[in-house]
C-alpha atoms as a PDB file:
ATOM      1  CA  MET A   1      -0.009  -9.729  17.031  1.00  0.00           C
ATOM      2  CA  GLU A   2      -2.285 -12.700  16.483  1.00  0.00           C
ATOM      3  CA  LEU A   3      -5.384 -12.833  18.674  1.00  0.00           C
ATOM      4  CA  GLY A   4      -7.444 -15.858  19.627  1.00  0.00           C
ATOM      5  CA  GLY A   5      -6.658 -19.516  20.003  1.00  0.00           C
ATOM      6  CA  ASP A   6      -4.394 -21.640  17.840  1.00  0.00           C
ATOM      7  CA  SER A   7      -7.013 -24.373  17.514  1.00  0.00           C
ATOM      8  CA  ASP A   8      -7.721 -23.709  13.827  1.00  0.00           C
ATOM      9  CA  PRO A   9      -4.884 -22.116  11.810  1.00  0.00           C
ATOM     10  CA  ARG A  10      -7.313 -21.360   8.962  1.00  0.00           C
ATOM     11  CA  ASN A  11      -9.078 -18.697  11.046  1.00  0.00           C
ATOM     12  CA  ALA A  12      -7.311 -15.862  12.845  1.00  0.00           C
ATOM     13  CA  THR A  13      -7.641 -12.262  13.910  1.00  0.00           C
ATOM     14  CA  PHE A  14      -4.540 -10.100  13.773  1.00  0.00           C
ATOM     15  CA  SER A  15      -4.065  -6.831  15.604  1.00  0.00           C
ATOM     16  CA  ILE A  16      -1.651  -4.400  13.967  1.00  0.00           C
ATOM     17  CA  MET A  17      -0.478  -1.453  16.039  1.00  0.00           C
ATOM     18  CA  ASP A  18       0.231   2.057  14.719  1.00  0.00           C
ATOM     19  CA  GLU A  19      -1.898   1.557  11.616  1.00  0.00           C
ATOM     20  CA  ASP A  20      -5.250   2.858  10.415  1.00  0.00           C
ATOM     21  CA  HIS A  21      -7.735   2.601   7.541  1.00  0.00           C
ATOM     22  CA  THR A  22      -4.983   3.186   4.962  1.00  0.00           C
ATOM     23  CA  LEU A  23      -3.360  -0.185   5.588  1.00  0.00           C
ATOM     24  CA  GLY A  24      -6.569  -1.887   6.733  1.00  0.00           C
ATOM     25  CA  ASN A  25      -8.546  -1.208   3.582  1.00  0.00           C
ATOM     26  CA  SER A  26      -5.587  -1.895   1.258  1.00  0.00           C
ATOM     27  CA  LEU A  27      -4.836  -5.175   2.981  1.00  0.00           C
ATOM     28  CA  ARG A  28      -8.499  -6.183   2.984  1.00  0.00           C
ATOM     29  CA  PHE A  29      -8.622  -5.534  -0.778  1.00  0.00           C
ATOM     30  CA  VAL A  30      -5.533  -7.672  -1.483  1.00  0.00           C
ATOM     31  CA  LEU A  31      -6.714 -10.477   0.805  1.00  0.00           C
ATOM     32  CA  ASN A  32     -10.155 -10.605  -0.785  1.00  0.00           C
ATOM     33  CA  LYS A  33      -8.534 -11.072  -4.228  1.00  0.00           C
ATOM     34  CA  ASP A  34      -6.739 -14.211  -2.962  1.00  0.00           C
ATOM     35  CA  PRO A  35      -8.695 -17.382  -3.881  1.00  0.00           C
ATOM     36  CA  ARG A  36      -7.532 -19.009  -0.625  1.00  0.00           C
ATOM     37  CA  VAL A  37      -9.489 -16.438   1.405  1.00  0.00           C
ATOM     38  CA  ALA A  38     -13.070 -17.292   2.369  1.00  0.00           C
ATOM     39  CA  PHE A  39     -13.590 -14.134   4.456  1.00  0.00           C
ATOM     40  CA  CYS A  40     -11.598 -11.059   5.323  1.00  0.00           C
ATOM     41  CA  GLY A  41     -12.554  -7.914   7.148  1.00  0.00           C
ATOM     42  CA  TYR A  42     -10.937  -5.280   9.286  1.00  0.00           C
ATOM     43  CA  SER A  43     -11.970  -2.831  11.957  1.00  0.00           C
ATOM     44  CA  VAL A  44     -10.575   0.057  13.919  1.00  0.00           C
ATOM     45  CA  PRO A  45     -11.592  -0.744  17.511  1.00  0.00           C
ATOM     46  CA  HIS A  46     -11.866   2.912  18.537  1.00  0.00           C
ATOM     47  CA  PRO A  47     -11.029   6.178  16.757  1.00  0.00           C
ATOM     48  CA  SER A  48      -8.598   7.147  19.500  1.00  0.00           C
ATOM     49  CA  GLU A  49      -6.675   3.858  19.142  1.00  0.00           C
ATOM     50  CA  ASN A  50      -4.113   3.741  16.361  1.00  0.00           C
ATOM     51  CA  ARG A  51      -4.681   0.045  15.719  1.00  0.00           C
ATOM     52  CA  ILE A  52      -6.517  -2.210  13.278  1.00  0.00           C
ATOM     53  CA  ASN A  53      -7.887  -5.725  13.697  1.00  0.00           C
ATOM     54  CA  ILE A  54      -7.906  -7.941  10.616  1.00  0.00           C
ATOM     55  CA  ARG A  55      -9.961 -11.140  10.518  1.00  0.00           C
ATOM     56  CA  VAL A  56      -8.855 -13.764   7.983  1.00  0.00           C
ATOM     57  CA  GLN A  57     -10.649 -17.038   7.280  1.00  0.00           C
ATOM     58  CA  THR A  58      -9.200 -19.279   4.595  1.00  0.00           C
ATOM     59  CA  THR A  59     -10.310 -22.319   2.649  1.00  0.00           C
ATOM     60  CA  GLY A  60      -7.415 -24.400   3.958  1.00  0.00           C
ATOM     61  CA  ALA A  61      -4.124 -22.531   4.069  1.00  0.00           C
ATOM     62  CA  PRO A  62      -2.930 -21.129   7.398  1.00  0.00           C
ATOM     63  CA  ALA A  63      -4.296 -17.606   7.866  1.00  0.00           C
ATOM     64  CA  ARG A  64      -0.900 -16.357   9.028  1.00  0.00           C
ATOM     65  CA  ASP A  65       0.751 -17.463   5.758  1.00  0.00           C
ATOM     66  CA  VAL A  66      -2.012 -15.912   3.666  1.00  0.00           C
ATOM     67  CA  LEU A  67      -1.646 -12.617   5.572  1.00  0.00           C
ATOM     68  CA  LYS A  68       2.138 -12.637   5.030  1.00  0.00           C
ATOM     69  CA  ASP A  69       1.630 -13.257   1.300  1.00  0.00           C
ATOM     70  CA  ALA A  70      -0.882 -10.405   1.108  1.00  0.00           C
ATOM     71  CA  LEU A  71       1.533  -8.036   2.858  1.00  0.00           C
ATOM     72  CA  ASN A  72       4.293  -9.014   0.414  1.00  0.00           C
ATOM     73  CA  ASP A  73       1.895  -8.465  -2.517  1.00  0.00           C
ATOM     74  CA  LEU A  74       1.014  -5.041  -1.143  1.00  0.00           C
ATOM     75  CA  VAL A  75       4.713  -4.126  -0.876  1.00  0.00           C
ATOM     76  CA  ALA A  76       5.241  -5.226  -4.503  1.00  0.00           C
ATOM     77  CA  MET A  77       2.258  -3.131  -5.638  1.00  0.00           C
ATOM     78  CA  ASN A  78       3.608  -0.085  -3.841  1.00  0.00           C
ATOM     79  CA  GLN A  79       7.055  -0.589  -5.361  1.00  0.00           C
ATOM     80  CA  GLN A  80       5.444  -0.756  -8.802  1.00  0.00           C
ATOM     81  CA  VAL A  81       3.536   2.486  -8.168  1.00  0.00           C
ATOM     82  CA  ILE A  82       6.721   4.238  -6.992  1.00  0.00           C
ATOM     83  CA  SER A  83       8.656   2.978 -10.019  1.00  0.00           C
ATOM     84  CA  THR A  84       5.936   4.075 -12.447  1.00  0.00           C
ATOM     85  CA  PHE A  85       5.674   7.456 -10.752  1.00  0.00           C
ATOM     86  CA  ASN A  86       9.441   8.021 -10.912  1.00  0.00           C
ATOM     87  CA  ARG A  87       9.534   7.082 -14.613  1.00  0.00           C
ATOM     88  CA  ALA A  88       6.688   9.510 -15.288  1.00  0.00           C
ATOM     89  CA  ILE A  89       8.523  12.297 -13.449  1.00  0.00           C
ATOM     90  CA  GLU A  90      11.697  11.595 -15.424  1.00  0.00           C
ATOM     91  CA  GLY A  91       9.732  11.574 -18.685  1.00  0.00           C
ATOM     92  CA  PHE A  92       8.028  14.833 -17.784  1.00  0.00           C
ATOM     93  CA  ASN A  93      11.351  16.445 -16.905  1.00  0.00           C
ATOM     94  CA  VAL A  94      12.836  15.376 -20.240  1.00  0.00           C
ATOM     95  CA  THR A  95       9.889  16.643 -22.287  1.00  0.00           C
ATOM     96  CA  GLN A  96       9.716  19.933 -20.358  1.00  0.00           C
ATOM     97  CA  GLY A  97      13.465  20.542 -20.521  1.00  0.00           C
ATOM     98  CA  VAL A  98      13.928  20.533 -16.774  1.00  0.00           C
ATOM     99  CA  THR A  99      17.572  19.937 -15.974  1.00  0.00           C
ATOM    100  CA  GLU A 100      17.653  20.519 -12.260  1.00  0.00           C
ATOM    101  CA  MET A 101      15.016  20.554  -9.569  1.00  0.00           C
ATOM    102  CA  SER A 102      15.376  21.517  -5.963  1.00  0.00           C
ATOM    103  CA  MET A 103      12.558  20.001  -3.895  1.00  0.00           C
ATOM    104  CA  LYS A 104      13.462  22.214  -0.923  1.00  0.00           C
ATOM    105  CA  SER A 105      13.280  25.533  -2.732  1.00  0.00           C
ATOM    106  CA  GLY A 106      10.785  24.524  -5.414  1.00  0.00           C
ATOM    107  CA  ILE A 107      12.996  26.266  -7.994  1.00  0.00           C
ATOM    108  CA  THR A 108      13.659  24.663 -11.355  1.00  0.00           C
ATOM    109  CA  SER A 109      16.089  25.670 -14.052  1.00  0.00           C
ATOM    110  CA  GLN A 110      15.279  25.070 -17.707  1.00  0.00           C
ATOM    111  CA  HIS A 111      17.284  24.876 -20.937  1.00  0.00           C
ATOM    112  CA  SER A 112      17.643  28.134 -22.775  1.00  0.00           C
ATOM    113  CA  GLY A 113      15.049  28.675 -25.434  1.00  0.00           C
ATOM    114  CA  SER A 114      11.590  30.048 -25.881  1.00  0.00           C
ATOM    115  CA  VAL A 115       8.905  29.428 -23.354  1.00  0.00           C
ATOM    116  CA  LYS A 116       5.740  27.873 -24.729  1.00  0.00           C
ATOM    117  CA  ASN A 117       2.398  29.046 -23.441  1.00  0.00           C
ATOM    118  CA  HIS A 118      -0.158  26.282 -23.251  1.00  0.00           C
ATOM    119  CA  PRO A 119      -3.849  27.179 -23.488  1.00  0.00           C
END
């Protein structure tokens, strides 16, 4: 939800429900890397409220568009992290000889062969 008047689209405060410092700080970081952003900050109004307020002031672009771009950038970053993590897991499984893993039981089966002890 956008708070405040629509008099200057370069400056806006957005209130995002059901979010906390995790999104607030990540979004602040991405916004502050954008050269179109003159100022960005966020706050949690009260610890018992699950809401963040994000203030965006730009050098000319509409704050709403800059916020949308930052959210899309954050999604792309998270997708990259997930992809890298999954590739690392697959690589680990191949090098360790893991053929099957059950996340529910935590049991893994390995290829037959000797077990190596690592110091």
